Amino acid sequence: MTEAQIKLKRTESLLAELIPEALASLNDKRLHEVDILEVKCSRGKSDAKVYLDPKDLSEQGKRDYLKLLAKARPIVETFCLKDQGWYKCPTLTFEFDEQLEKSKKIEELFKRIAKD
């Protein structure tokens, strides 16, 4: 692993710790319930995708959470800047992680095939 990759992983892990802290400091209780699964930064660390646990939410519920998080994004970024003393924080993009659901569906298909 190169030094740049190590720095990138370090930034991702820091953001994974800081974002829940920032959301917990907000007044909206719904944002306290959001579970962050993973943070992936771009190579230049200018953007970061934050993957959230869908927790069996409906499509409308997911849209509502994404709207709340979009409004809270500048506050979260400011929290990260102040906490770490960074010059610039990655621009955060929130999205729900659909990989778990996809893998469950694939496993169900394999079980059906095995039964037949």
C-alpha atoms as a PDB file:
ATOM      1  CA  MET A   1       0.000   0.000   0.000  1.00  0.00           C
ATOM      2  CA  THR A   2       1.427   3.362  -0.994  1.00  0.00           C
ATOM      3  CA  GLU A   3       1.581   6.402   1.240  1.00  0.00           C
ATOM      4  CA  ALA A   4      -1.205   8.111  -0.734  1.00  0.00           C
ATOM      5  CA  GLN A   5      -3.482   5.091  -0.249  1.00  0.00           C
ATOM      6  CA  ILE A   6      -2.743   5.075   3.472  1.00  0.00           C
ATOM      7  CA  LYS A   7      -3.640   8.784   3.731  1.00  0.00           C
ATOM      8  CA  LEU A   8      -6.842   8.159   1.790  1.00  0.00           C
ATOM      9  CA  LYS A   9      -7.842   5.285   4.105  1.00  0.00           C
ATOM     10  CA  ARG A  10      -7.024   7.412   7.142  1.00  0.00           C
ATOM     11  CA  THR A  11      -9.257  10.215   5.860  1.00  0.00           C
ATOM     12  CA  GLU A  12     -12.068   7.740   5.165  1.00  0.00           C
ATOM     13  CA  SER A  13     -11.873   6.278   8.657  1.00  0.00           C
ATOM     14  CA  LEU A  14     -11.778   9.738  10.239  1.00  0.00           C
ATOM     15  CA  LEU A  15     -14.859  10.782   8.299  1.00  0.00           C
ATOM     16  CA  ALA A  16     -16.613   7.552   9.303  1.00  0.00           C
ATOM     17  CA  GLU A  17     -16.082   8.572  12.942  1.00  0.00           C
ATOM     18  CA  LEU A  18     -16.753  12.299  12.589  1.00  0.00           C
ATOM     19  CA  ILE A  19     -19.970  12.194  10.551  1.00  0.00           C
ATOM     20  CA  PRO A  20     -22.011  10.299  13.201  1.00  0.00           C
ATOM     21  CA  GLU A  21     -20.702  12.710  15.853  1.00  0.00           C
ATOM     22  CA  ALA A  22     -21.762  15.680  13.736  1.00  0.00           C
ATOM     23  CA  LEU A  23     -25.209  14.180  13.087  1.00  0.00           C
ATOM     24  CA  ALA A  24     -25.636  13.442  16.797  1.00  0.00           C
ATOM     25  CA  SER A  25     -24.984  17.095  17.603  1.00  0.00           C
ATOM     26  CA  LEU A  26     -27.950  18.221  15.470  1.00  0.00           C
ATOM     27  CA  ASN A  27     -31.412  18.812  16.905  1.00  0.00           C
ATOM     28  CA  ASP A  28     -33.265  16.497  14.514  1.00  0.00           C
ATOM     29  CA  LYS A  29     -33.625  13.130  16.282  1.00  0.00           C
ATOM     30  CA  ARG A  30     -34.184  11.300  12.977  1.00  0.00           C
ATOM     31  CA  LEU A  31     -30.591  12.003  11.963  1.00  0.00           C
ATOM     32  CA  HIS A  32     -29.324  10.396  15.167  1.00  0.00           C
ATOM     33  CA  GLU A  33     -30.643   7.030  13.924  1.00  0.00           C
ATOM     34  CA  VAL A  34     -28.676   6.969  10.663  1.00  0.00           C
ATOM     35  CA  ASP A  35     -26.035   4.217  10.532  1.00  0.00           C
ATOM     36  CA  ILE A  36     -22.997   4.808   8.355  1.00  0.00           C
ATOM     37  CA  LEU A  37     -21.628   1.670   6.747  1.00  0.00           C
ATOM     38  CA  GLU A  38     -18.710   3.072   4.789  1.00  0.00           C
ATOM     39  CA  VAL A  39     -17.099   6.255   3.506  1.00  0.00           C
ATOM     40  CA  LYS A  40     -15.298   6.261   0.160  1.00  0.00           C
ATOM     41  CA  CYS A  41     -13.203   9.296  -0.776  1.00  0.00           C
ATOM     42  CA  SER A  42     -12.210  10.202  -4.288  1.00  0.00           C
ATOM     43  CA  ARG A  43      -8.551  10.011  -5.162  1.00  0.00           C
ATOM     44  CA  GLY A  44      -7.968  13.702  -4.588  1.00  0.00           C
ATOM     45  CA  LYS A  45     -10.117  13.704  -1.418  1.00  0.00           C
ATOM     46  CA  SER A  46     -12.331  16.437  -2.850  1.00  0.00           C
ATOM     47  CA  ASP A  47     -15.459  14.271  -2.739  1.00  0.00           C
ATOM     48  CA  ALA A  48     -16.635  11.519  -0.423  1.00  0.00           C
ATOM     49  CA  LYS A  49     -19.553   9.135  -0.747  1.00  0.00           C
ATOM     50  CA  VAL A  50     -21.149   8.171   2.534  1.00  0.00           C
ATOM     51  CA  TYR A  51     -22.969   4.839   2.367  1.00  0.00           C
ATOM     52  CA  LEU A  52     -25.876   4.456   4.770  1.00  0.00           C
ATOM     53  CA  ASP A  53     -27.703   1.411   6.102  1.00  0.00           C
ATOM     54  CA  PRO A  54     -31.214   1.300   4.548  1.00  0.00           C
ATOM     55  CA  LYS A  55     -32.727  -0.475   7.614  1.00  0.00           C
ATOM     56  CA  ASP A  56     -35.806  -1.711   5.722  1.00  0.00           C
ATOM     57  CA  LEU A  57     -36.927   1.831   4.930  1.00  0.00           C
ATOM     58  CA  SER A  58     -39.496   2.438   2.232  1.00  0.00           C
ATOM     59  CA  GLU A  59     -38.505   4.385  -0.866  1.00  0.00           C
ATOM     60  CA  GLN A  60     -40.289   7.450   0.513  1.00  0.00           C
ATOM     61  CA  GLY A  61     -38.449   7.074   3.827  1.00  0.00           C
ATOM     62  CA  LYS A  62     -35.124   6.892   2.007  1.00  0.00           C
ATOM     63  CA  ARG A  63     -35.939  10.035   0.017  1.00  0.00           C
ATOM     64  CA  ASP A  64     -36.901  11.852   3.228  1.00  0.00           C
ATOM     65  CA  TYR A  65     -33.631  10.883   4.918  1.00  0.00           C
ATOM     66  CA  LEU A  66     -31.609  11.956   1.885  1.00  0.00           C
ATOM     67  CA  LYS A  67     -33.353  15.350   1.901  1.00  0.00           C
ATOM     68  CA  LEU A  68     -32.572  15.781   5.607  1.00  0.00           C
ATOM     69  CA  LEU A  69     -28.957  14.804   5.055  1.00  0.00           C
ATOM     70  CA  ALA A  70     -28.631  17.168   2.094  1.00  0.00           C
ATOM     71  CA  LYS A  71     -29.749  20.019   4.321  1.00  0.00           C
ATOM     72  CA  ALA A  72     -27.381  18.939   7.101  1.00  0.00           C
ATOM     73  CA  ARG A  73     -24.392  18.421   4.773  1.00  0.00           C
ATOM     74  CA  PRO A  74     -22.837  21.919   5.186  1.00  0.00           C
ATOM     75  CA  ILE A  75     -23.107  21.649   8.973  1.00  0.00           C
ATOM     76  CA  VAL A  76     -21.467  18.214   8.958  1.00  0.00           C
ATOM     77  CA  GLU A  77     -18.654  19.430   6.706  1.00  0.00           C
ATOM     78  CA  THR A  78     -18.053  22.447   8.963  1.00  0.00           C
ATOM     79  CA  PHE A  79     -17.965  20.150  12.002  1.00  0.00           C
ATOM     80  CA  CYS A  80     -15.307  17.992  10.326  1.00  0.00           C
ATOM     81  CA  LEU A  81     -13.254  21.055   9.348  1.00  0.00           C
ATOM     82  CA  LYS A  82     -13.270  22.476  12.847  1.00  0.00           C
ATOM     83  CA  ASP A  83     -12.635  19.161  14.578  1.00  0.00           C
ATOM     84  CA  GLN A  84      -9.638  18.169  12.451  1.00  0.00           C
ATOM     85  CA  GLY A  85      -8.340  21.636  11.570  1.00  0.00           C
ATOM     86  CA  TRP A  86      -8.450  20.802   7.887  1.00  0.00           C
ATOM     87  CA  TYR A  87      -8.184  23.479   5.228  1.00  0.00           C
ATOM     88  CA  LYS A  88     -10.835  21.799   3.107  1.00  0.00           C
ATOM     89  CA  CYS A  89     -13.327  19.036   3.811  1.00  0.00           C
ATOM     90  CA  PRO A  90     -14.449  16.613   1.096  1.00  0.00           C
ATOM     91  CA  THR A  91     -17.861  17.379  -0.354  1.00  0.00           C
ATOM     92  CA  LEU A  92     -20.113  14.730   1.134  1.00  0.00           C
ATOM     93  CA  THR A  93     -22.657  12.777  -0.881  1.00  0.00           C
ATOM     94  CA  PHE A  94     -25.062  10.543   1.005  1.00  0.00           C
ATOM     95  CA  GLU A  95     -26.603   7.425  -0.511  1.00  0.00           C
ATOM     96  CA  PHE A  96     -28.070   4.201   0.759  1.00  0.00           C
ATOM     97  CA  ASP A  97     -26.020   1.039   0.317  1.00  0.00           C
ATOM     98  CA  GLU A  98     -28.011  -1.322  -1.868  1.00  0.00           C
ATOM     99  CA  GLN A  99     -25.326  -4.018  -2.053  1.00  0.00           C
ATOM    100  CA  LEU A 100     -26.638  -5.852   1.004  1.00  0.00           C
ATOM    101  CA  GLU A 101     -30.138  -6.067  -0.470  1.00  0.00           C
ATOM    102  CA  LYS A 102     -28.760  -7.249  -3.806  1.00  0.00           C
ATOM    103  CA  SER A 103     -26.693  -9.961  -2.148  1.00  0.00           C
ATOM    104  CA  LYS A 104     -29.736 -11.146  -0.162  1.00  0.00           C
ATOM    105  CA  LYS A 105     -31.758 -11.407  -3.375  1.00  0.00           C
ATOM    106  CA  ILE A 106     -28.995 -13.360  -5.070  1.00  0.00           C
ATOM    107  CA  GLU A 107     -28.783 -15.748  -2.101  1.00  0.00           C
ATOM    108  CA  GLU A 108     -32.547 -16.281  -2.251  1.00  0.00           C
ATOM    109  CA  LEU A 109     -32.289 -17.082  -5.959  1.00  0.00           C
ATOM    110  CA  PHE A 110     -29.561 -19.637  -5.287  1.00  0.00           C
ATOM    111  CA  LYS A 111     -31.708 -21.247  -2.577  1.00  0.00           C
ATOM    112  CA  ARG A 112     -34.634 -21.511  -5.025  1.00  0.00           C
ATOM    113  CA  ILE A 113     -32.365 -23.050  -7.635  1.00  0.00           C
ATOM    114  CA  ALA A 114     -31.024 -25.541  -5.085  1.00  0.00           C
ATOM    115  CA  LYS A 115     -34.582 -26.588  -4.169  1.00  0.00           C
ATOM    116  CA  ASP A 116     -35.491 -27.182  -7.811  1.00  0.00           C
END
